[in-house]
Amino acid sequence: MPIPRLKLLYRDRIRPELKQRFGYKNDLAVPRLDKIVISMGVGRALQTPKRLEEAQQHLSLIAGQKAVLTRAKRSISNFRLRQGQAIGCKVTLRRDRMYEFLDRLISIAIPRIRDFRGMSPKSFDGRGNYSLGLSEQVVFTEVDADRMEFVQGMNIAICTTARTDEEARELIAGFGFPFQR
C-alpha cells in the first residue's frame, strides 16, 4: 500500500521546517497529527430513527471505516431524552486513514463549500487541537446528493501533539489548510 501524500509531505518538508522554526533538538519532539475525530450529532433521531441510520452510513462512507453510535450519558426530560438512547455517531481516524481523510478534506471537500472565505484561525482549544464544523455532508464526493434524504452537519476535530496553538497552526497550515487571513 502506498504511503499517503500528506504523510510524505510531513516527513520531508513540514517536520524539518517546524524543527528549525521552534528549535526542537529531536524529531520526536516535533508536533504531529495524533488523530481526527469526525462526529455527527443527530438530535432529530429521537423522532425519526431513519435519520441516524442514514447519518451513520454517510459518515462511514466519508471516513472509510465503520462509524459507531454515540449514546446519551444522562436523561434530559426537556428534550425527551433517555439515558442510553442513540443520538449521534462518530469515527476516530488514525495513521494512514487520517492522512488520506485530511487530504480529501483539504483538496476536495473544503473547496466545494459555498461562499467559502477560509477557516477561522481562532478555533484552536489552547492545547493544540483544531475543531471545525461543516453544515452539510454533501461537500464530500462519497455522498450521493441525489439519493440523500436528510442534510446533516458534522464536526471535525484535528488532534495534534502540539503544546501551543501557534505550533498547531503552523503544523496544520503546512498541510495546506486554508485559514483566513
Protein backbone atom coordinates (compact mmCIF):
# COMPACT_ATOMS: atom_id res chain seq x y z
CA MET A 1 0.00 0.00 0.00
CA PRO A 2 1.45 3.40 -0.95
CA ILE A 3 2.29 5.97 1.70
CA PRO A 4 -0.28 8.82 1.81
CA ARG A 5 0.78 12.06 0.13
CA LEU A 6 0.39 14.24 3.24
CA LYS A 7 2.38 11.79 5.37
CA LEU A 8 5.30 12.14 2.95
CA LEU A 9 4.85 15.92 2.96
CA TYR A 10 5.02 15.94 6.76
CA ARG A 11 8.10 13.73 6.86
CA ASP A 12 10.03 15.51 4.10
CA ARG A 13 9.07 19.19 4.44
CA ILE A 14 6.84 20.12 7.39
CA ARG A 15 8.77 18.34 10.17
CA PRO A 16 12.17 19.89 9.24
CA GLU A 17 10.59 23.36 8.98
CA LEU A 18 8.89 23.05 12.38
CA LYS A 19 12.06 21.66 13.90
CA GLN A 20 14.06 24.64 12.72
CA ARG A 21 11.40 27.28 13.49
CA PHE A 22 10.68 26.18 17.06
CA GLY A 23 14.20 24.91 17.85
CA TYR A 24 13.46 21.25 18.56
CA LYS A 25 16.50 19.03 19.03
CA ASN A 26 14.72 15.70 18.43
CA ASP A 27 12.39 14.62 15.59
CA LEU A 28 10.01 13.01 18.07
CA ALA A 29 9.53 16.32 19.90
CA VAL A 30 8.18 17.98 16.74
CA PRO A 31 4.36 18.31 16.74
CA ARG A 32 2.48 15.80 14.59
CA LEU A 33 -1.09 14.78 13.90
CA ASP A 34 -2.43 12.38 16.51
CA LYS A 35 -5.99 11.65 15.32
CA ILE A 36 -9.01 13.10 13.57
CA VAL A 37 -12.45 12.61 15.12
CA ILE A 38 -15.50 13.14 12.90
CA SER A 39 -18.85 13.25 14.67
CA MET A 40 -22.48 13.88 13.82
CA GLY A 41 -24.99 14.79 16.48
CA VAL A 42 -28.41 13.72 15.22
CA GLY A 43 -30.87 15.32 17.61
CA ARG A 44 -33.86 14.54 15.41
CA ALA A 45 -33.05 10.82 15.61
CA LEU A 46 -35.49 10.63 18.52
CA GLN A 47 -38.44 11.37 16.20
CA THR A 48 -37.12 9.62 13.07
CA PRO A 49 -34.64 6.78 13.69
CA LYS A 50 -34.01 6.56 9.94
CA ARG A 51 -32.04 9.83 10.18
CA LEU A 52 -29.50 8.22 12.47
CA GLU A 53 -29.07 5.20 10.20
CA GLU A 54 -28.50 7.44 7.18
CA ALA A 55 -26.04 9.64 9.12
CA GLN A 56 -24.11 6.55 10.21
CA GLN A 57 -23.95 5.26 6.61
CA HIS A 58 -22.77 8.62 5.28
CA LEU A 59 -20.16 9.00 7.99
CA SER A 60 -18.85 5.50 7.27
CA LEU A 61 -18.58 6.35 3.56
CA ILE A 62 -16.81 9.64 4.23
CA ALA A 63 -14.33 8.24 6.74
CA GLY A 64 -13.64 4.88 5.12
CA GLN A 65 -14.32 2.93 8.31
CA LYS A 66 -17.44 2.00 10.26
CA ALA A 67 -19.00 4.73 12.38
CA VAL A 68 -20.02 3.89 15.95
CA LEU A 69 -23.19 5.16 17.61
CA THR A 70 -22.91 7.63 20.47
CA ARG A 71 -25.45 7.38 23.25
CA ALA A 72 -26.89 9.88 25.74
CA LYS A 73 -24.96 9.92 29.00
CA ARG A 74 -27.94 11.07 31.04
CA SER A 75 -31.65 11.67 30.72
CA ILE A 76 -32.91 15.18 29.93
CA SER A 77 -36.67 15.48 30.28
CA ASN A 78 -36.95 18.80 28.40
CA PHE A 79 -35.57 17.12 25.28
CA ARG A 80 -37.47 13.86 25.88
CA LEU A 81 -34.11 12.12 26.02
CA ARG A 82 -33.46 8.94 27.97
CA GLN A 83 -30.08 7.73 29.15
CA GLY A 84 -28.57 5.27 26.67
CA GLN A 85 -30.56 6.42 23.63
CA ALA A 86 -28.57 6.67 20.40
CA ILE A 87 -28.26 10.37 19.49
CA GLY A 88 -25.30 10.51 17.10
CA CYS A 89 -22.32 8.75 15.57
CA LYS A 90 -18.58 9.25 15.36
CA VAL A 91 -15.40 7.91 13.77
CA THR A 92 -11.82 8.21 15.05
CA LEU A 93 -9.19 8.11 12.31
CA ARG A 94 -5.52 7.41 12.96
CA ARG A 95 -2.38 6.70 10.91
CA ASP A 96 -2.76 6.43 7.11
CA ARG A 97 -6.57 6.81 7.06
CA MET A 98 -6.20 10.06 8.97
CA TYR A 99 -3.78 11.49 6.40
CA GLU A 100 -5.94 10.34 3.48
CA PHE A 101 -9.06 11.91 5.02
CA LEU A 102 -7.23 15.18 5.67
CA ASP A 103 -6.04 15.18 2.05
CA ARG A 104 -9.62 14.72 0.78
CA LEU A 105 -10.88 17.38 3.21
CA ILE A 106 -8.33 19.99 2.11
CA SER A 107 -8.22 19.31 -1.62
CA ILE A 108 -11.79 18.21 -2.44
CA ALA A 109 -14.36 18.94 0.29
CA ILE A 110 -13.42 22.42 1.53
CA PRO A 111 -13.24 23.95 -1.99
CA ARG A 112 -16.83 22.72 -2.57
CA ILE A 113 -18.21 24.76 0.35
CA ARG A 114 -20.43 27.60 -0.86
CA ASP A 115 -19.26 31.17 -0.11
CA PHE A 116 -16.04 29.87 1.42
CA ARG A 117 -13.67 32.52 2.74
CA GLY A 118 -11.27 30.38 4.75
CA MET A 119 -11.38 28.54 8.05
CA SER A 120 -11.27 30.50 11.29
CA PRO A 121 -7.80 30.54 12.87
CA LYS A 122 -9.50 31.05 16.27
CA SER A 123 -10.94 27.53 16.54
CA PHE A 124 -7.99 26.15 18.49
CA ASP A 125 -8.64 24.93 22.03
CA GLY A 126 -5.48 26.24 23.72
CA ARG A 127 -3.80 22.83 23.74
CA GLY A 128 -3.01 22.47 20.04
CA ASN A 129 -6.24 20.88 18.77
CA TYR A 130 -8.39 22.37 16.00
CA SER A 131 -12.15 21.94 15.54
CA LEU A 132 -14.33 22.86 12.62
CA GLY A 133 -17.94 22.33 11.71
CA LEU A 134 -19.45 21.62 8.31
CA SER A 135 -23.11 22.41 7.76
CA GLU A 136 -23.75 19.60 5.28
CA GLN A 137 -22.16 16.31 4.28
CA VAL A 138 -22.74 16.93 0.54
CA VAL A 139 -19.30 18.58 0.20
CA PHE A 140 -17.76 15.09 0.28
CA THR A 141 -17.90 13.31 -3.09
CA GLU A 142 -18.59 9.94 -1.43
CA VAL A 143 -22.11 11.07 -0.52
CA ASP A 144 -24.59 10.98 -3.41
CA ALA A 145 -26.66 14.16 -3.11
CA ASP A 146 -29.49 12.79 -5.27
CA ARG A 147 -30.14 9.76 -3.05
CA MET A 148 -29.75 11.67 0.20
CA GLU A 149 -32.90 12.26 2.26
CA PHE A 150 -31.59 14.37 5.14
CA VAL A 151 -28.95 17.10 5.21
CA GLN A 152 -26.78 16.65 8.27
CA GLY A 153 -23.88 18.71 9.62
CA MET A 154 -20.72 17.31 11.16
CA ASN A 155 -17.90 18.29 13.48
CA ILE A 156 -14.27 17.53 12.70
CA ALA A 157 -11.64 17.67 15.45
CA ILE A 158 -7.99 17.55 14.40
CA CYS A 159 -5.92 16.47 17.39
CA THR A 160 -2.17 17.15 17.41
CA THR A 161 0.69 16.60 19.81
CA ALA A 162 1.50 20.33 19.76
CA ARG A 163 1.67 22.08 23.12
CA THR A 164 0.56 25.51 21.91
CA ASP A 165 -1.93 26.84 19.38
CA GLU A 166 0.86 28.55 17.41
CA GLU A 167 2.71 25.26 16.88
CA ALA A 168 -0.52 23.52 15.87
CA ARG A 169 -1.45 26.33 13.47
CA GLU A 170 1.94 26.06 11.75
CA LEU A 171 1.61 22.27 11.54
CA ILE A 172 -1.90 22.30 10.05
CA ALA A 173 -1.13 25.24 7.73
CA GLY A 174 1.87 23.27 6.44
CA PHE A 175 -0.54 20.70 5.02
CA GLY A 176 -2.23 23.46 3.01
CA PHE A 177 -5.19 24.04 5.33
CA PRO A 178 -6.98 27.22 4.18
CA PHE A 179 -7.01 29.60 7.16
CA GLN A 180 -8.49 33.10 6.90
CA ARG A 181 -6.03 35.92 6.61
